[in-house]
Amino acid sequence: MNTGIEPAVRLDRIGKVYGTGPSAVTALKDVSHAFARGSFTAVMGPSGSGKTSLLQCSAGLTQPTSGTVSVGGTDLTALTEAELAIVRRERVGFVFQGFNLLPALTAKENIELPMRLAGKRADQAWVRELVGRTGIAEHVHRRPHELSGGQQQRVAICRALVAGPEVVFADEPTGSLDTRSGQEILAMLRLVVGALKQTVILVTHDATAAAYADRVLFIRDGEVVDVMEEPTPDRVAASLSGHSGSPGRTGPVR
């Protein structure tokens, strides 16, 4: 049903080709999908399937070769590189496998860094809410080397949220963490979707991680081949292995 609400991210028949001529590699083929506002979507697929290219195109980190990408109704493919930089800084957030914290800054200073780079002051009430919800309020004056891996990733999540982005892109955010810390980070992403109405798009190879999402997009050979609603670890794993004839309640590729 069309609610008239613009999705957080819309992909319309995007393709991505790296290189030219005989050496050209096609990463994405005619992919269309709408990521609803306030939703948590996991993107899965084997190595080389195109899932990272999908994230990079969706976030404005690279332009698709064909098709259009919109964030909150803004066509990213029509923007200059300078305009894209503003979108990346002010309208989207990023969480990566590496924490990418500046070692000379405290946790709080790292969180507020995007605002400083934009020439703005961080909303201190919002910062307090973020560090409170993510459980690092008592660690904000510590530097990265004084924090555990899980705590550093929590700081990175707060940094991604500090500007109030329309969507957060998370690329294997638990890849450098132990199992317990990874589960805590995934629960935190689930929390920001539920409590803060944030939109999260997660790229992962882990069925357990994907099960934290509302739905899972499966990509193979540059195409979205399935969409699973209400995923569980077992159903996601079965779908990935190709041993399940019915991987769950699925919908059309959008």
Protein backbone atom coordinates (compact mmCIF):
# COMPACT_ATOMS: atom_id res chain seq x y z
CA MET A 1 0.00 0.00 0.00
CA ASN A 2 1.33 3.45 -0.94
CA THR A 3 1.23 5.66 2.15
CA GLY A 4 2.56 8.71 0.33
CA ILE A 5 5.57 8.85 2.67
CA GLU A 6 8.87 9.15 0.86
CA PRO A 7 11.16 6.24 1.81
CA ALA A 8 14.47 6.94 3.51
CA VAL A 9 16.34 5.50 0.53
CA ARG A 10 15.02 4.58 -2.90
CA LEU A 11 16.97 2.65 -5.52
CA ASP A 12 15.51 2.77 -9.01
CA ARG A 13 17.02 0.31 -11.47
CA ILE A 14 20.59 1.00 -10.44
CA GLY A 15 23.52 -0.70 -12.09
CA LYS A 16 27.20 -0.51 -11.25
CA VAL A 17 30.03 -1.49 -13.56
CA TYR A 18 33.69 -1.20 -12.63
CA GLY A 19 36.15 -0.76 -15.47
CA THR A 20 35.52 -0.81 -19.21
CA GLY A 21 35.88 -3.14 -22.13
CA PRO A 22 36.76 -6.82 -21.69
CA SER A 23 37.93 -6.24 -18.10
CA ALA A 24 34.66 -4.62 -16.98
CA VAL A 25 33.06 -6.13 -13.88
CA THR A 26 29.32 -5.78 -13.27
CA ALA A 27 28.61 -5.41 -9.55
CA LEU A 28 24.91 -4.46 -9.65
CA LYS A 29 22.25 -5.22 -12.24
CA ASP A 30 19.03 -3.21 -12.44
CA VAL A 31 18.42 -3.16 -8.66
CA SER A 32 15.27 -1.47 -7.33
CA HIS A 33 14.23 -1.24 -3.69
CA ALA A 34 12.64 1.22 -1.27
CA PHE A 35 13.96 1.31 2.31
CA ALA A 36 11.13 2.55 4.53
CA ARG A 37 11.73 5.22 7.14
CA GLY A 38 12.28 3.81 10.62
CA SER A 39 13.12 0.34 9.30
CA PHE A 40 16.07 -1.99 9.92
CA THR A 41 17.19 -3.84 6.79
CA ALA A 42 20.02 -6.34 6.49
CA VAL A 43 21.73 -6.98 3.16
CA MET A 44 23.32 -10.39 2.69
CA GLY A 45 25.04 -12.34 -0.02
CA PRO A 46 28.21 -14.28 -0.81
CA SER A 47 31.52 -12.55 -1.35
CA GLY A 48 31.42 -10.60 -4.60
CA SER A 49 27.62 -10.59 -4.73
CA GLY A 50 27.36 -6.79 -4.85
CA LYS A 51 26.18 -6.05 -1.32
CA THR A 52 28.98 -3.58 -0.55
CA SER A 53 28.47 -1.86 -3.90
CA LEU A 54 24.78 -1.53 -3.04
CA LEU A 55 25.65 0.13 0.28
CA GLN A 56 28.18 2.46 -1.32
CA CYS A 57 25.76 3.57 -4.03
CA SER A 58 22.90 3.96 -1.54
CA ALA A 59 25.05 6.15 0.73
CA GLY A 60 26.44 8.37 -2.00
CA LEU A 61 29.97 7.03 -1.55
CA THR A 62 30.04 6.12 -5.23
CA GLN A 63 27.70 6.87 -8.11
CA PRO A 64 25.86 4.07 -9.93
CA THR A 65 26.63 3.57 -13.60
CA SER A 66 22.91 3.65 -14.36
CA GLY A 67 19.64 4.30 -12.54
CA THR A 68 18.93 6.69 -9.68
CA VAL A 69 19.46 6.75 -5.91
CA SER A 70 17.36 9.01 -3.68
CA VAL A 71 17.83 9.82 0.01
CA GLY A 72 14.77 11.44 1.52
CA GLY A 73 13.58 12.43 -1.95
CA THR A 74 16.92 13.93 -3.05
CA ASP A 75 18.32 12.36 -6.22
CA LEU A 76 21.97 11.71 -5.39
CA THR A 77 22.82 10.96 -9.00
CA ALA A 78 22.01 14.56 -9.93
CA LEU A 79 24.38 16.09 -7.35
CA THR A 80 27.91 17.39 -7.72
CA GLU A 81 30.68 15.87 -5.61
CA ALA A 82 30.57 18.91 -3.32
CA GLU A 83 26.82 18.48 -2.85
CA LEU A 84 27.27 14.76 -2.20
CA ALA A 85 29.83 15.56 0.49
CA ILE A 86 27.21 17.67 2.28
CA VAL A 87 24.68 14.82 2.08
CA ARG A 88 27.21 12.35 3.49
CA ARG A 89 28.12 14.72 6.31
CA GLU A 90 24.67 15.93 7.31
CA ARG A 91 22.06 13.42 6.16
CA VAL A 92 23.61 9.97 6.48
CA GLY A 93 25.69 8.25 9.14
CA PHE A 94 28.24 5.48 8.84
CA VAL A 95 29.38 2.64 11.10
CA PHE A 96 32.18 0.44 9.81
CA GLN A 97 34.02 -2.67 10.98
CA GLY A 98 36.95 -0.44 11.95
CA PHE A 99 35.99 2.08 14.61
CA ASN A 100 37.89 4.98 12.98
CA LEU A 101 38.15 6.98 16.20
CA LEU A 102 40.82 9.67 16.55
CA PRO A 103 43.17 8.48 19.32
CA ALA A 104 43.96 11.98 20.61
CA LEU A 105 40.29 12.81 21.22
CA THR A 106 38.05 11.68 24.06
CA ALA A 107 34.95 9.61 23.33
CA LYS A 108 32.79 12.72 23.60
CA GLU A 109 35.05 14.70 21.30
CA ASN A 110 34.97 11.87 18.75
CA ILE A 111 31.17 11.82 18.91
CA GLU A 112 30.95 15.56 18.34
CA LEU A 113 33.60 15.65 15.60
CA PRO A 114 31.18 15.58 12.62
CA MET A 115 29.43 18.66 13.97
CA ARG A 116 32.73 20.48 14.49
CA LEU A 117 33.81 19.65 10.94
CA ALA A 118 30.52 21.09 9.70
CA GLY A 119 31.13 24.28 11.68
CA LYS A 120 28.23 23.57 14.02
CA ARG A 121 27.78 23.00 17.74
CA ALA A 122 26.55 19.60 18.86
CA ASP A 123 23.21 19.55 20.66
CA GLN A 124 24.37 18.63 24.15
CA ALA A 125 20.98 17.27 25.20
CA TRP A 126 21.04 14.96 22.18
CA VAL A 127 24.61 13.87 22.94
CA ARG A 128 23.60 13.06 26.52
CA GLU A 129 20.65 11.02 25.27
CA LEU A 130 22.84 9.10 22.83
CA VAL A 131 25.55 8.22 25.34
CA GLY A 132 22.91 7.33 27.90
CA ARG A 133 21.00 5.03 25.56
CA THR A 134 24.20 3.36 24.37
CA GLY A 135 25.56 2.85 27.88
CA ILE A 136 28.78 4.85 27.57
CA ALA A 137 27.87 7.93 29.62
CA GLU A 138 30.50 7.12 32.24
CA HIS A 139 33.20 6.68 29.59
CA VAL A 140 32.82 9.89 27.56
CA HIS A 141 36.02 11.46 28.89
CA ARG A 142 38.17 8.45 28.09
CA ARG A 143 40.28 8.10 24.97
CA PRO A 144 39.88 5.17 22.56
CA HIS A 145 42.82 3.18 23.97
CA GLU A 146 41.07 3.20 27.35
CA LEU A 147 37.91 1.61 25.92
CA SER A 148 37.06 -1.96 24.94
CA GLY A 149 36.26 -2.79 21.33
CA GLY A 150 32.55 -2.86 22.08
CA GLN A 151 32.73 0.51 23.81
CA GLN A 152 34.62 2.00 20.87
CA GLN A 153 31.95 0.79 18.47
CA ARG A 154 29.28 2.35 20.70
CA VAL A 155 31.15 5.64 20.39
CA ALA A 156 31.20 5.17 16.61
CA ILE A 157 27.43 4.59 16.61
CA CYS A 158 26.86 7.77 18.63
CA ARG A 159 29.09 9.65 16.20
CA ALA A 160 27.00 8.33 13.30
CA LEU A 161 23.82 9.55 14.99
CA VAL A 162 24.96 12.92 16.36
CA ALA A 163 23.92 14.94 13.31
CA GLY A 164 20.45 13.37 13.27
CA PRO A 165 20.90 11.54 9.94
CA GLU A 166 18.03 10.24 7.86
CA VAL A 167 19.68 6.85 7.54
CA VAL A 168 22.63 4.98 9.08
CA PHE A 169 24.67 2.60 6.94
CA ALA A 170 26.49 -0.13 8.87
CA ASP A 171 29.07 -2.23 7.02
CA GLU A 172 29.98 -5.36 9.02
CA PRO A 173 29.97 -3.36 12.30
CA THR A 174 30.55 -6.45 14.46
CA GLY A 175 33.33 -7.96 12.36
CA SER A 176 36.11 -6.92 14.75
CA LEU A 177 34.26 -7.79 17.95
CA ASP A 178 33.85 -10.90 20.08
CA THR A 179 30.46 -12.60 20.10
CA ARG A 180 29.12 -10.90 23.22
CA SER A 181 30.21 -7.41 22.18
CA GLY A 182 28.84 -8.01 18.69
CA GLN A 183 25.45 -8.98 20.07
CA GLU A 184 25.42 -5.85 22.23
CA ILE A 185 26.12 -3.66 19.19
CA LEU A 186 23.36 -5.34 17.18
CA ALA A 187 20.93 -4.89 20.06
CA MET A 188 21.93 -1.23 20.13
CA LEU A 189 21.20 -0.80 16.43
CA ARG A 190 17.85 -2.47 17.05
CA LEU A 191 17.27 0.03 19.87
CA VAL A 192 17.97 3.11 17.77
CA VAL A 193 15.48 1.87 15.18
CA GLY A 194 12.78 1.22 17.76
CA ALA A 195 13.34 4.05 20.23
CA LEU A 196 14.76 6.77 17.98
CA LYS A 197 12.87 5.85 14.78
CA GLN A 198 16.18 5.68 12.93
CA THR A 199 16.57 3.95 9.57
CA VAL A 200 19.41 1.41 9.50
CA ILE A 201 20.82 -0.49 6.52
CA LEU A 202 23.22 -3.23 7.62
CA VAL A 203 25.58 -5.22 5.40
CA THR A 204 26.55 -8.50 7.04
CA HIS A 205 27.55 -12.08 6.31
CA ASP A 206 26.26 -13.30 9.69
CA ALA A 207 22.81 -14.91 9.88
CA THR A 208 22.48 -14.07 13.57
CA ALA A 209 23.24 -10.41 12.88
CA ALA A 210 20.73 -10.30 10.03
CA ALA A 211 18.01 -11.68 12.31
CA TYR A 212 18.06 -8.43 14.31
CA ALA A 213 16.63 -6.67 11.25
CA ASP A 214 13.01 -6.28 10.16
CA ARG A 215 13.83 -7.80 6.79
CA VAL A 216 16.73 -9.22 4.83
CA LEU A 217 17.65 -8.55 1.21
CA PHE A 218 19.55 -11.41 -0.39
CA ILE A 219 21.87 -10.44 -3.23
CA ARG A 220 23.46 -12.80 -5.71
CA ASP A 221 25.44 -11.86 -8.82
CA GLY A 222 24.46 -8.21 -8.48
CA GLU A 223 20.72 -8.82 -8.21
CA VAL A 224 18.26 -8.89 -5.31
CA VAL A 225 16.98 -12.46 -5.46
CA ASP A 226 14.84 -12.58 -2.31
CA VAL A 227 13.39 -10.43 0.46
CA MET A 228 12.70 -12.12 3.80
CA GLU A 229 10.39 -10.54 6.36
CA GLU A 230 10.69 -11.26 10.10
CA PRO A 231 13.94 -13.20 9.76
CA THR A 232 15.32 -15.71 12.25
CA PRO A 233 18.91 -17.00 12.30
CA ASP A 234 17.87 -20.48 11.15
CA ARG A 235 15.74 -19.24 8.25
CA VAL A 236 18.41 -16.80 7.13
CA ALA A 237 21.08 -19.50 7.26
CA ALA A 238 18.84 -21.92 5.36
CA SER A 239 18.17 -19.35 2.67
CA LEU A 240 21.86 -18.57 2.32
CA SER A 241 22.75 -22.23 1.95
CA GLY A 242 20.01 -22.73 -0.61
CA HIS A 243 18.52 -25.69 1.28
CA SER A 244 15.19 -24.05 2.08
CA GLY A 245 12.47 -24.10 -0.52
CA SER A 246 10.56 -21.40 1.33
CA PRO A 247 12.90 -19.08 3.20
CA GLY A 248 10.13 -17.21 4.88
CA ARG A 249 7.42 -14.74 4.08
CA THR A 250 8.85 -12.96 1.10
CA GLY A 251 7.86 -9.95 -0.87
CA PRO A 252 8.59 -8.64 -4.32
CA VAL A 253 11.89 -6.94 -4.96
CA ARG A 254 11.09 -3.26 -4.60
